[in-house]
Amino acid sequence: MRNRKRRETIYLDTSVVGAYFDERMPERQALTREFWKKLKEFDIFISELVLDELRRIRDKKLQRVVLNLVKGFEKLDSTPEVEDL
């Protein structure tokens, strides 16, 4: 077994995903999209709670686009502690 170089991890919450699409704040959106391009350098995690929030997006077209954006990130299961947090 080869030693795999350990990569840093990033947890994405709903606000980061939302900033990717938030046209009301163009500078924030641009910075988020630049950040997104660098995500391949990290191990990315997203929680089931965040996915639940994203699934509640009322605009179905936007919902599909958003869920596609986070597809492939490792999903963290919910625990009572996480839900309390």
PDB file of N, CA and C in Angstrom:
ATOM      1  N   MET A   1       0.836  -1.184   0.000  1.00  0.00           N
ATOM      2  CA  MET A   1       0.000   0.000   0.000  1.00  0.00           C
ATOM      3  C   MET A   1       0.879   1.246   0.000  1.00  0.00           C
ATOM      4  N   ARG A   2       0.611   2.121  -0.925  1.00  0.00           N
ATOM      5  CA  ARG A   2       1.381   3.367  -0.994  1.00  0.00           C
ATOM      6  C   ARG A   2       0.892   4.348   0.057  1.00  0.00           C
ATOM      7  N   ASN A   3       1.825   5.135   0.560  1.00  0.00           N
ATOM      8  CA  ASN A   3       1.434   6.194   1.486  1.00  0.00           C
ATOM      9  C   ASN A   3       0.831   7.333   0.697  1.00  0.00           C
ATOM     10  N   ARG A   4      -0.387   7.626   0.989  1.00  0.00           N
ATOM     11  CA  ARG A   4      -1.051   8.750   0.333  1.00  0.00           C
ATOM     12  C   ARG A   4      -0.806  10.010   1.154  1.00  0.00           C
ATOM     13  N   LYS A   5      -0.372  11.042   0.493  1.00  0.00           N
ATOM     14  CA  LYS A   5      -0.155  12.311   1.180  1.00  0.00           C
ATOM     15  C   LYS A   5      -1.489  12.782   1.742  1.00  0.00           C
ATOM     16  N   ARG A   6      -1.478  13.072   3.012  1.00  0.00           N
ATOM     17  CA  ARG A   6      -2.702  13.525   3.669  1.00  0.00           C
ATOM     18  C   ARG A   6      -3.030  14.944   3.209  1.00  0.00           C
ATOM     19  N   ARG A   7      -4.257  15.094   2.751  1.00  0.00           N
ATOM     20  CA  ARG A   7      -4.694  16.422   2.302  1.00  0.00           C
ATOM     21  C   ARG A   7      -5.489  17.084   3.414  1.00  0.00           C
ATOM     22  N   GLU A   8      -5.519  18.386   3.360  1.00  0.00           N
ATOM     23  CA  GLU A   8      -6.332  19.118   4.327  1.00  0.00           C
ATOM     24  C   GLU A   8      -7.794  18.922   3.973  1.00  0.00           C
ATOM     25  N   THR A   9      -8.641  19.061   4.974  1.00  0.00           N
ATOM     26  CA  THR A   9     -10.075  18.873   4.765  1.00  0.00           C
ATOM     27  C   THR A   9     -10.808  20.193   4.924  1.00  0.00           C
ATOM     28  N   ILE A  10     -11.913  20.269   4.220  1.00  0.00           N
ATOM     29  CA  ILE A  10     -12.776  21.448   4.298  1.00  0.00           C
ATOM     30  C   ILE A  10     -14.206  20.956   4.461  1.00  0.00           C
ATOM     31  N   TYR A  11     -14.921  21.586   5.382  1.00  0.00           N
ATOM     32  CA  TYR A  11     -16.347  21.330   5.551  1.00  0.00           C
ATOM     33  C   TYR A  11     -17.091  22.517   4.959  1.00  0.00           C
ATOM     34  N   LEU A  12     -18.011  22.232   4.056  1.00  0.00           N
ATOM     35  CA  LEU A  12     -18.805  23.303   3.437  1.00  0.00           C
ATOM     36  C   LEU A  12     -20.184  23.343   4.072  1.00  0.00           C
ATOM     37  N   ASP A  13     -20.567  24.523   4.505  1.00  0.00           N
ATOM     38  CA  ASP A  13     -21.927  24.666   5.004  1.00  0.00           C
ATOM     39  C   ASP A  13     -22.781  25.371   3.952  1.00  0.00           C
ATOM     40  N   THR A  14     -24.035  25.530   4.261  1.00  0.00           N
ATOM     41  CA  THR A  14     -24.996  26.075   3.297  1.00  0.00           C
ATOM     42  C   THR A  14     -24.615  27.473   2.822  1.00  0.00           C
ATOM     43  N   SER A  15     -24.040  28.276   3.694  1.00  0.00           N
ATOM     44  CA  SER A  15     -23.718  29.660   3.301  1.00  0.00           C
ATOM     45  C   SER A  15     -22.652  29.710   2.208  1.00  0.00           C
ATOM     46  N   VAL A  16     -21.717  28.781   2.224  1.00  0.00           N
ATOM     47  CA  VAL A  16     -20.677  28.763   1.186  1.00  0.00           C
ATOM     48  C   VAL A  16     -21.289  28.361  -0.156  1.00  0.00           C
ATOM     49  N   VAL A  17     -22.139  27.346  -0.116  1.00  0.00           N
ATOM     50  CA  VAL A  17     -22.808  26.916  -1.348  1.00  0.00           C
ATOM     51  C   VAL A  17     -23.692  28.045  -1.864  1.00  0.00           C
ATOM     52  N   GLY A  18     -24.423  28.694  -0.969  1.00  0.00           N
ATOM     53  CA  GLY A  18     -25.294  29.800  -1.365  1.00  0.00           C
ATOM     54  C   GLY A  18     -24.530  30.962  -1.967  1.00  0.00           C
ATOM     55  N   ALA A  19     -23.346  31.249  -1.433  1.00  0.00           N
ATOM     56  CA  ALA A  19     -22.544  32.371  -1.945  1.00  0.00           C
ATOM     57  C   ALA A  19     -22.128  32.146  -3.391  1.00  0.00           C
ATOM     58  N   TYR A  20     -22.001  30.897  -3.792  1.00  0.00           N
ATOM     59  CA  TYR A  20     -21.639  30.573  -5.174  1.00  0.00           C
ATOM     60  C   TYR A  20     -22.671  31.133  -6.158  1.00  0.00           C
ATOM     61  N   PHE A  21     -23.924  31.217  -5.713  1.00  0.00           N
ATOM     62  CA  PHE A  21     -25.023  31.647  -6.584  1.00  0.00           C
ATOM     63  C   PHE A  21     -25.568  33.031  -6.253  1.00  0.00           C
ATOM     64  N   ASP A  22     -25.078  33.658  -5.201  1.00  0.00           N
ATOM     65  CA  ASP A  22     -25.657  34.921  -4.728  1.00  0.00           C
ATOM     66  C   ASP A  22     -25.198  36.100  -5.584  1.00  0.00           C
ATOM     67  N   GLU A  23     -26.046  36.502  -6.510  1.00  0.00           N
ATOM     68  CA  GLU A  23     -25.724  37.610  -7.421  1.00  0.00           C
ATOM     69  C   GLU A  23     -25.895  38.968  -6.768  1.00  0.00           C
ATOM     70  N   ARG A  24     -26.483  39.016  -5.567  1.00  0.00           N
ATOM     71  CA  ARG A  24     -26.673  40.300  -4.883  1.00  0.00           C
ATOM     72  C   ARG A  24     -25.347  40.865  -4.388  1.00  0.00           C
ATOM     73  N   MET A  25     -24.351  39.974  -4.221  1.00  0.00           N
ATOM     74  CA  MET A  25     -23.033  40.394  -3.741  1.00  0.00           C
ATOM     75  C   MET A  25     -21.988  39.869  -4.722  1.00  0.00           C
ATOM     76  N   PRO A  26     -21.812  40.569  -5.847  1.00  0.00           N
ATOM     77  CA  PRO A  26     -20.919  40.082  -6.907  1.00  0.00           C
ATOM     78  C   PRO A  26     -19.491  39.784  -6.457  1.00  0.00           C
ATOM     79  N   GLU A  27     -18.941  40.606  -5.573  1.00  0.00           N
ATOM     80  CA  GLU A  27     -17.566  40.376  -5.126  1.00  0.00           C
ATOM     81  C   GLU A  27     -17.481  39.073  -4.320  1.00  0.00           C
ATOM     82  N   ARG A  28     -18.441  38.869  -3.435  1.00  0.00           N
ATOM     83  CA  ARG A  28     -18.475  37.631  -2.642  1.00  0.00           C
ATOM     84  C   ARG A  28     -18.667  36.424  -3.552  1.00  0.00           C
ATOM     85  N   GLN A  29     -19.533  36.559  -4.530  1.00  0.00           N
ATOM     86  CA  GLN A  29     -19.772  35.464  -5.474  1.00  0.00           C
ATOM     87  C   GLN A  29     -18.497  35.136  -6.247  1.00  0.00           C
ATOM     88  N   ALA A  30     -17.808  36.150  -6.712  1.00  0.00           N
ATOM     89  CA  ALA A  30     -16.572  35.944  -7.473  1.00  0.00           C
ATOM     90  C   ALA A  30     -15.501  35.263  -6.609  1.00  0.00           C
ATOM     91  N   LEU A  31     -15.354  35.709  -5.361  1.00  0.00           N
ATOM     92  CA  LEU A  31     -14.381  35.091  -4.463  1.00  0.00           C
ATOM     93  C   LEU A  31     -14.741  33.630  -4.183  1.00  0.00           C
ATOM     94  N   THR A  32     -16.015  33.372  -4.003  1.00  0.00           N
ATOM     95  CA  THR A  32     -16.463  32.002  -3.746  1.00  0.00           C
ATOM     96  C   THR A  32     -16.183  31.115  -4.944  1.00  0.00           C
ATOM     97  N   ARG A  33     -16.421  31.619  -6.128  1.00  0.00           N
ATOM     98  CA  ARG A  33     -16.172  30.816  -7.336  1.00  0.00           C
ATOM     99  C   ARG A  33     -14.678  30.562  -7.543  1.00  0.00           C
ATOM    100  N   GLU A  34     -13.842  31.524  -7.191  1.00  0.00           N
ATOM    101  CA  GLU A  34     -12.392  31.309  -7.252  1.00  0.00           C
ATOM    102  C   GLU A  34     -11.978  30.250  -6.229  1.00  0.00           C
ATOM    103  N   PHE A  35     -12.529  30.351  -5.041  1.00  0.00           N
ATOM    104  CA  PHE A  35     -12.284  29.360  -3.992  1.00  0.00           C
ATOM    105  C   PHE A  35     -12.704  27.976  -4.473  1.00  0.00           C
ATOM    106  N   TRP A  36     -13.852  27.887  -5.135  1.00  0.00           N
ATOM    107  CA  TRP A  36     -14.391  26.613  -5.604  1.00  0.00           C
ATOM    108  C   TRP A  36     -13.421  25.914  -6.563  1.00  0.00           C
ATOM    109  N   LYS A  37     -12.726  26.695  -7.361  1.00  0.00           N
ATOM    110  CA  LYS A  37     -11.777  26.120  -8.315  1.00  0.00           C
ATOM    111  C   LYS A  37     -10.622  25.413  -7.610  1.00  0.00           C
ATOM    112  N   LYS A  38     -10.364  25.779  -6.368  1.00  0.00           N
ATOM    113  CA  LYS A  38      -9.249  25.201  -5.616  1.00  0.00           C
ATOM    114  C   LYS A  38      -9.670  24.004  -4.764  1.00  0.00           C
ATOM    115  N   LEU A  39     -10.953  23.678  -4.755  1.00  0.00           N
ATOM    116  CA  LEU A  39     -11.436  22.610  -3.889  1.00  0.00           C
ATOM    117  C   LEU A  39     -10.834  21.250  -4.222  1.00  0.00           C
ATOM    118  N   LYS A  40     -10.415  21.056  -5.459  1.00  0.00           N
ATOM    119  CA  LYS A  40      -9.856  19.750  -5.843  1.00  0.00           C
ATOM    120  C   LYS A  40      -8.568  19.438  -5.082  1.00  0.00           C
ATOM    121  N   GLU A  41      -7.992  20.444  -4.447  1.00  0.00           N
ATOM    122  CA  GLU A  41      -6.772  20.258  -3.675  1.00  0.00           C
ATOM    123  C   GLU A  41      -7.044  19.721  -2.267  1.00  0.00           C
ATOM    124  N   PHE A  42      -8.320  19.619  -1.888  1.00  0.00           N
ATOM    125  CA  PHE A  42      -8.706  19.268  -0.533  1.00  0.00           C
ATOM    126  C   PHE A  42      -9.665  18.083  -0.529  1.00  0.00           C
ATOM    127  N   ASP A  43      -9.817  17.483   0.646  1.00  0.00           N
ATOM    128  CA  ASP A  43     -10.890  16.525   0.864  1.00  0.00           C
ATOM    129  C   ASP A  43     -12.082  17.339   1.349  1.00  0.00           C
ATOM    130  N   ILE A  44     -13.168  17.283   0.602  1.00  0.00           N
ATOM    131  CA  ILE A  44     -14.327  18.129   0.890  1.00  0.00           C
ATOM    132  C   ILE A  44     -15.425  17.308   1.543  1.00  0.00           C
ATOM    133  N   PHE A  45     -15.990  17.877   2.593  1.00  0.00           N
ATOM    134  CA  PHE A  45     -17.085  17.236   3.308  1.00  0.00           C
ATOM    135  C   PHE A  45     -18.289  18.163   3.343  1.00  0.00           C
ATOM    136  N   ILE A  46     -19.444  17.541   3.311  1.00  0.00           N
ATOM    137  CA  ILE A  46     -20.714  18.251   3.421  1.00  0.00           C
ATOM    138  C   ILE A  46     -21.609  17.374   4.284  1.00  0.00           C
ATOM    139  N   SER A  47     -22.475  17.975   5.050  1.00  0.00           N
ATOM    140  CA  SER A  47     -23.288  17.171   5.958  1.00  0.00           C
ATOM    141  C   SER A  47     -24.663  16.874   5.368  1.00  0.00           C
ATOM    142  N   GLU A  48     -25.267  15.873   5.926  1.00  0.00           N
ATOM    143  CA  GLU A  48     -26.645  15.535   5.548  1.00  0.00           C
ATOM    144  C   GLU A  48     -27.567  16.705   5.865  1.00  0.00           C
ATOM    145  N   LEU A  49     -27.283  17.448   6.926  1.00  0.00           N
ATOM    146  CA  LEU A  49     -28.105  18.617   7.269  1.00  0.00           C
ATOM    147  C   LEU A  49     -28.040  19.676   6.171  1.00  0.00           C
ATOM    148  N   VAL A  50     -26.847  19.912   5.641  1.00  0.00           N
ATOM    149  CA  VAL A  50     -26.694  20.882   4.548  1.00  0.00           C
ATOM    150  C   VAL A  50     -27.448  20.379   3.317  1.00  0.00           C
ATOM    151  N   LEU A  51     -27.306  19.107   3.014  1.00  0.00           N
ATOM    152  CA  LEU A  51     -28.019  18.558   1.860  1.00  0.00           C
ATOM    153  C   LEU A  51     -29.528  18.686   2.035  1.00  0.00           C
ATOM    154  N   ASP A  52     -30.022  18.474   3.242  1.00  0.00           N
ATOM    155  CA  ASP A  52     -31.458  18.644   3.507  1.00  0.00           C
ATOM    156  C   ASP A  52     -31.888  20.079   3.224  1.00  0.00           C
ATOM    157  N   GLU A  53     -31.061  21.042   3.645  1.00  0.00           N
ATOM    158  CA  GLU A  53     -31.375  22.450   3.368  1.00  0.00           C
ATOM    159  C   GLU A  53     -31.401  22.715   1.864  1.00  0.00           C
ATOM    160  N   LEU A  54     -30.430  22.181   1.155  1.00  0.00           N
ATOM    161  CA  LEU A  54     -30.356  22.412  -0.288  1.00  0.00           C
ATOM    162  C   LEU A  54     -31.520  21.755  -1.021  1.00  0.00           C
ATOM    163  N   ARG A  55     -31.986  20.634  -0.516  1.00  0.00           N
ATOM    164  CA  ARG A  55     -33.134  19.953  -1.133  1.00  0.00           C
ATOM    165  C   ARG A  55     -34.434  20.727  -0.940  1.00  0.00           C
ATOM    166  N   ARG A  56     -34.429  21.676  -0.005  1.00  0.00           N
ATOM    167  CA  ARG A  56     -35.634  22.489   0.233  1.00  0.00           C
ATOM    168  C   ARG A  56     -35.679  23.748  -0.635  1.00  0.00           C
ATOM    169  N   ILE A  57     -34.715  23.922  -1.521  1.00  0.00           N
ATOM    170  CA  ILE A  57     -34.753  25.062  -2.444  1.00  0.00           C
ATOM    171  C   ILE A  57     -36.002  24.913  -3.302  1.00  0.00           C
ATOM    172  N   ARG A  58     -36.828  25.922  -3.317  1.00  0.00           N
ATOM    173  CA  ARG A  58     -38.130  25.829  -4.001  1.00  0.00           C
ATOM    174  C   ARG A  58     -38.015  25.829  -5.518  1.00  0.00           C
ATOM    175  N   ASP A  59     -37.070  26.582  -6.045  1.00  0.00           N
ATOM    176  CA  ASP A  59     -36.861  26.625  -7.492  1.00  0.00           C
ATOM    177  C   ASP A  59     -36.167  25.320  -7.895  1.00  0.00           C
ATOM    178  N   LYS A  60     -36.924  24.431  -8.528  1.00  0.00           N
ATOM    179  CA  LYS A  60     -36.425  23.083  -8.837  1.00  0.00           C
ATOM    180  C   LYS A  60     -35.218  23.097  -9.772  1.00  0.00           C
ATOM    181  N   LYS A  61     -35.187  24.025 -10.714  1.00  0.00           N
ATOM    182  CA  LYS A  61     -34.038  24.118 -11.612  1.00  0.00           C
ATOM    183  C   LYS A  61     -32.790  24.493 -10.823  1.00  0.00           C
ATOM    184  N   LEU A  62     -32.908  25.508  -9.977  1.00  0.00           N
ATOM    185  CA  LEU A  62     -31.786  25.925  -9.134  1.00  0.00           C
ATOM    186  C   LEU A  62     -31.395  24.802  -8.181  1.00  0.00           C
ATOM    187  N   GLN A  63     -32.367  24.120  -7.639  1.00  0.00           N
ATOM    188  CA  GLN A  63     -32.091  23.009  -6.733  1.00  0.00           C
ATOM    189  C   GLN A  63     -31.223  21.948  -7.417  1.00  0.00           C
ATOM    190  N   ARG A  64     -31.564  21.599  -8.649  1.00  0.00           N
ATOM    191  CA  ARG A  64     -30.778  20.606  -9.394  1.00  0.00           C
ATOM    192  C   ARG A  64     -29.345  21.089  -9.618  1.00  0.00           C
ATOM    193  N   VAL A  65     -29.204  22.352  -9.979  1.00  0.00           N
ATOM    194  CA  VAL A  65     -27.870  22.915 -10.226  1.00  0.00           C
ATOM    195  C   VAL A  65     -27.033  22.906  -8.946  1.00  0.00           C
ATOM    196  N   VAL A  66     -27.646  23.312  -7.848  1.00  0.00           N
ATOM    197  CA  VAL A  66     -26.945  23.369  -6.565  1.00  0.00           C
ATOM    198  C   VAL A  66     -26.534  21.965  -6.120  1.00  0.00           C
ATOM    199  N   LEU A  67     -27.456  21.018  -6.200  1.00  0.00           N
ATOM    200  CA  LEU A  67     -27.136  19.653  -5.778  1.00  0.00           C
ATOM    201  C   LEU A  67     -26.068  19.038  -6.678  1.00  0.00           C
ATOM    202  N   ASN A  68     -26.076  19.383  -7.942  1.00  0.00           N
ATOM    203  CA  ASN A  68     -25.041  18.899  -8.852  1.00  0.00           C
ATOM    204  C   ASN A  68     -23.670  19.479  -8.479  1.00  0.00           C
ATOM    205  N   LEU A  69     -23.663  20.722  -8.025  1.00  0.00           N
ATOM    206  CA  LEU A  69     -22.417  21.382  -7.635  1.00  0.00           C
ATOM    207  C   LEU A  69     -21.739  20.653  -6.472  1.00  0.00           C
ATOM    208  N   VAL A  70     -22.538  20.126  -5.551  1.00  0.00           N
ATOM    209  CA  VAL A  70     -21.964  19.478  -4.362  1.00  0.00           C
ATOM    210  C   VAL A  70     -21.886  17.962  -4.507  1.00  0.00           C
ATOM    211  N   LYS A  71     -22.319  17.465  -5.657  1.00  0.00           N
ATOM    212  CA  LYS A  71     -22.273  16.021  -5.905  1.00  0.00           C
ATOM    213  C   LYS A  71     -20.827  15.554  -5.840  1.00  0.00           C
ATOM    214  N   GLY A  72     -20.616  14.443  -5.197  1.00  0.00           N
ATOM    215  CA  GLY A  72     -19.272  13.892  -5.119  1.00  0.00           C
ATOM    216  C   GLY A  72     -18.521  14.264  -3.861  1.00  0.00           C
ATOM    217  N   PHE A  73     -19.008  15.245  -3.112  1.00  0.00           N
ATOM    218  CA  PHE A  73     -18.367  15.561  -1.838  1.00  0.00           C
ATOM    219  C   PHE A  73     -18.727  14.468  -0.837  1.00  0.00           C
ATOM    220  N   GLU A  74     -17.814  14.185   0.060  1.00  0.00           N
ATOM    221  CA  GLU A  74     -18.088  13.152   1.049  1.00  0.00           C
ATOM    222  C   GLU A  74     -19.130  13.654   2.041  1.00  0.00           C
ATOM    223  N   LYS A  75     -20.134  12.820   2.272  1.00  0.00           N
ATOM    224  CA  LYS A  75     -21.252  13.220   3.126  1.00  0.00           C
ATOM    225  C   LYS A  75     -21.010  12.752   4.552  1.00  0.00           C
ATOM    226  N   LEU A  76     -21.209  13.667   5.496  1.00  0.00           N
ATOM    227  CA  LEU A  76     -21.118  13.359   6.915  1.00  0.00           C
ATOM    228  C   LEU A  76     -22.518  13.099   7.439  1.00  0.00           C
ATOM    229  N   ASP A  77     -22.680  11.983   8.102  1.00  0.00           N
ATOM    230  CA  ASP A  77     -23.982  11.673   8.689  1.00  0.00           C
ATOM    231  C   ASP A  77     -24.257  12.595   9.861  1.00  0.00           C
ATOM    232  N   SER A  78     -25.531  12.760  10.134  1.00  0.00           N
ATOM    233  CA  SER A  78     -25.957  13.584  11.250  1.00  0.00           C
ATOM    234  C   SER A  78     -25.853  12.807  12.557  1.00  0.00           C
ATOM    235  N   THR A  79     -25.525  13.529  13.583  1.00  0.00           N
ATOM    236  CA  THR A  79     -25.554  12.984  14.940  1.00  0.00           C
ATOM    237  C   THR A  79     -26.354  13.963  15.782  1.00  0.00           C
ATOM    238  N   PRO A  80     -26.825  13.556  16.939  1.00  0.00           N
ATOM    239  CA  PRO A  80     -27.531  14.515  17.804  1.00  0.00           C
ATOM    240  C   PRO A  80     -26.670  15.729  18.137  1.00  0.00           C
ATOM    241  N   GLU A  81     -25.365  15.517  18.314  1.00  0.00           N
ATOM    242  CA  GLU A  81     -24.477  16.636  18.632  1.00  0.00           C
ATOM    243  C   GLU A  81     -24.405  17.630  17.480  1.00  0.00           C
ATOM    244  N   VAL A  82     -24.315  17.105  16.262  1.00  0.00           N
ATOM    245  CA  VAL A  82     -24.268  17.967  15.076  1.00  0.00           C
ATOM    246  C   VAL A  82     -25.571  18.746  14.958  1.00  0.00           C
ATOM    247  N   GLU A  83     -26.682  18.078  15.147  1.00  0.00           N
ATOM    248  CA  GLU A  83     -27.975  18.759  15.038  1.00  0.00           C
ATOM    249  C   GLU A  83     -28.124  19.855  16.068  1.00  0.00           C
ATOM    250  N   ASP A  84     -27.627  19.604  17.289  1.00  0.00           N
ATOM    251  CA  ASP A  84     -27.677  20.640  18.338  1.00  0.00           C
ATOM    252  C   ASP A  84     -26.820  21.838  17.970  1.00  0.00           C
ATOM    253  N   LEU A  85     -25.681  21.565  17.377  1.00  0.00           N
ATOM    254  CA  LEU A  85     -24.769  22.632  16.982  1.00  0.00           C
ATOM    255  C   LEU A  85     -25.409  23.500  15.927  1.00  0.00           C
TER     256      LEU A  85
END
